[in-house]
């Protein structure tokens, strides 16, 4: 989807402060953080919503969850974190 905010961030059309990037994912700091550590992890392939996800997305979605703790610690979370999926 060409007009998707997150797709534009992945393509570099909208600037962001990168936390992590690989072939499947892009993680970046939230522009309006609600806590000391607040970043988003998004798949590089457009997914309209989790409702629309299928087994073709399992690699990126599984990697997001598996990487969340490591990135949270890297960014300064010392006693756990909260994950929200939208």
C-alpha atoms as a PDB file:
ATOM      1  CA  UNK A   1       0.000   0.000   0.000  1.00  0.00           C
ATOM      2  CA  UNK A   2       1.606   3.253  -1.131  1.00  0.00           C
ATOM      3  CA  UNK A   3      -0.129   5.646   1.307  1.00  0.00           C
ATOM      4  CA  UNK A   4       0.485   3.645   4.497  1.00  0.00           C
ATOM      5  CA  UNK A   5       2.355   5.689   7.120  1.00  0.00           C
ATOM      6  CA  UNK A   6       4.413   2.683   8.212  1.00  0.00           C
ATOM      7  CA  UNK A   7       5.302   1.697   4.642  1.00  0.00           C
ATOM      8  CA  UNK A   8       6.553   5.267   4.099  1.00  0.00           C
ATOM      9  CA  UNK A   9       8.703   4.982   7.241  1.00  0.00           C
ATOM     10  CA  UNK A  10      10.159   1.656   6.045  1.00  0.00           C
ATOM     11  CA  UNK A  11      10.940   3.214   2.644  1.00  0.00           C
ATOM     12  CA  UNK A  12      12.648   6.188   4.324  1.00  0.00           C
ATOM     13  CA  UNK A  13      10.125   8.722   3.013  1.00  0.00           C
ATOM     14  CA  UNK A  14       9.280   9.738   6.586  1.00  0.00           C
ATOM     15  CA  UNK A  15      12.245  10.152   8.939  1.00  0.00           C
ATOM     16  CA  UNK A  16      12.506   8.005  12.053  1.00  0.00           C
ATOM     17  CA  UNK A  17      14.994   7.171  14.772  1.00  0.00           C
ATOM     18  CA  UNK A  18      15.916   3.578  14.032  1.00  0.00           C
ATOM     19  CA  UNK A  19      16.254   1.016  16.830  1.00  0.00           C
ATOM     20  CA  UNK A  20      16.711  -2.085  14.654  1.00  0.00           C
ATOM     21  CA  UNK A  21      16.423  -3.232  11.062  1.00  0.00           C
ATOM     22  CA  UNK A  22      16.777  -6.503   9.192  1.00  0.00           C
ATOM     23  CA  UNK A  23      15.288  -8.000   6.023  1.00  0.00           C
ATOM     24  CA  UNK A  24      11.877  -8.557   7.685  1.00  0.00           C
ATOM     25  CA  UNK A  25      11.479  -5.873  10.358  1.00  0.00           C
ATOM     26  CA  UNK A  26      12.024  -2.237  11.155  1.00  0.00           C
ATOM     27  CA  UNK A  27      11.949  -0.883  14.727  1.00  0.00           C
ATOM     28  CA  UNK A  28      11.941   2.812  15.581  1.00  0.00           C
ATOM     29  CA  UNK A  29      11.263   5.218  18.445  1.00  0.00           C
ATOM     30  CA  UNK A  30       7.728   6.538  18.824  1.00  0.00           C
ATOM     31  CA  UNK A  31       7.418  10.252  18.016  1.00  0.00           C
ATOM     32  CA  UNK A  32       5.215  10.759  21.106  1.00  0.00           C
ATOM     33  CA  UNK A  33       6.610   8.288  23.655  1.00  0.00           C
ATOM     34  CA  UNK A  34       4.333   7.293  26.521  1.00  0.00           C
ATOM     35  CA  UNK A  35       7.222   5.975  28.595  1.00  0.00           C
ATOM     36  CA  UNK A  36      10.983   6.106  28.994  1.00  0.00           C
ATOM     37  CA  UNK A  37      11.292   3.226  26.538  1.00  0.00           C
ATOM     38  CA  UNK A  38       8.735   3.371  23.723  1.00  0.00           C
ATOM     39  CA  UNK A  39       9.385   2.034  20.254  1.00  0.00           C
ATOM     40  CA  UNK A  40       7.475   0.277  17.508  1.00  0.00           C
ATOM     41  CA  UNK A  41       8.429  -2.880  15.639  1.00  0.00           C
ATOM     42  CA  UNK A  42       6.801  -3.252  12.242  1.00  0.00           C
ATOM     43  CA  UNK A  43       7.068  -5.775   9.427  1.00  0.00           C
ATOM     44  CA  UNK A  44       8.598  -4.430   6.226  1.00  0.00           C
ATOM     45  CA  UNK A  45       5.852  -6.050   4.193  1.00  0.00           C
ATOM     46  CA  UNK A  46       2.505  -4.265   4.442  1.00  0.00           C
ATOM     47  CA  UNK A  47      -0.070  -6.023   6.615  1.00  0.00           C
ATOM     48  CA  UNK A  48      -3.420  -4.205   6.873  1.00  0.00           C
ATOM     49  CA  UNK A  49      -4.059  -5.571  10.361  1.00  0.00           C
ATOM     50  CA  UNK A  50      -3.460  -8.646  12.479  1.00  0.00           C
ATOM     51  CA  UNK A  51      -6.961  -9.692  11.431  1.00  0.00           C
ATOM     52  CA  UNK A  52      -5.683  -9.861   7.837  1.00  0.00           C
ATOM     53  CA  UNK A  53      -2.423 -11.687   8.661  1.00  0.00           C
ATOM     54  CA  UNK A  54      -1.958 -15.267   7.507  1.00  0.00           C
ATOM     55  CA  UNK A  55       0.726 -17.948   7.610  1.00  0.00           C
ATOM     56  CA  UNK A  56       2.626 -16.072   4.926  1.00  0.00           C
ATOM     57  CA  UNK A  57       3.404 -13.471   7.605  1.00  0.00           C
ATOM     58  CA  UNK A  58       4.531 -15.919  10.299  1.00  0.00           C
ATOM     59  CA  UNK A  59       8.267 -15.263   9.909  1.00  0.00           C
ATOM     60  CA  UNK A  60       8.009 -11.503  10.484  1.00  0.00           C
ATOM     61  CA  UNK A  61       5.321 -11.705  13.172  1.00  0.00           C
ATOM     62  CA  UNK A  62       7.144 -14.415  15.116  1.00  0.00           C
ATOM     63  CA  UNK A  63      10.416 -12.519  14.848  1.00  0.00           C
ATOM     64  CA  UNK A  64       8.723  -9.379  16.205  1.00  0.00           C
ATOM     65  CA  UNK A  65       7.731 -11.152  19.405  1.00  0.00           C
ATOM     66  CA  UNK A  66      11.032 -12.983  19.778  1.00  0.00           C
ATOM     67  CA  UNK A  67      13.040  -9.765  19.349  1.00  0.00           C
ATOM     68  CA  UNK A  68      10.906  -7.519  21.584  1.00  0.00           C
ATOM     69  CA  UNK A  69      12.641  -8.392  24.863  1.00  0.00           C
ATOM     70  CA  UNK A  70      16.136  -7.994  23.456  1.00  0.00           C
ATOM     71  CA  UNK A  71      15.309  -4.601  21.955  1.00  0.00           C
ATOM     72  CA  UNK A  72      13.530  -3.449  25.131  1.00  0.00           C
ATOM     73  CA  UNK A  73      16.624  -4.279  27.212  1.00  0.00           C
ATOM     74  CA  UNK A  74      18.870  -2.637  24.618  1.00  0.00           C
ATOM     75  CA  UNK A  75      16.788   0.546  24.856  1.00  0.00           C
ATOM     76  CA  UNK A  76      16.911   0.629  28.667  1.00  0.00           C
ATOM     77  CA  UNK A  77      13.971  -1.394  29.993  1.00  0.00           C
ATOM     78  CA  UNK A  78      15.353  -3.077  33.096  1.00  0.00           C
ATOM     79  CA  UNK A  79      12.320  -4.740  34.642  1.00  0.00           C
ATOM     80  CA  UNK A  80      10.161  -6.065  31.812  1.00  0.00           C
ATOM     81  CA  UNK A  81       7.982  -4.357  29.241  1.00  0.00           C
ATOM     82  CA  UNK A  82       4.460  -4.145  27.912  1.00  0.00           C
ATOM     83  CA  UNK A  83       3.692  -5.107  24.339  1.00  0.00           C
ATOM     84  CA  UNK A  84       0.662  -3.791  22.508  1.00  0.00           C
ATOM     85  CA  UNK A  85      -0.387  -5.164  19.129  1.00  0.00           C
ATOM     86  CA  UNK A  86      -2.497  -2.921  16.907  1.00  0.00           C
END
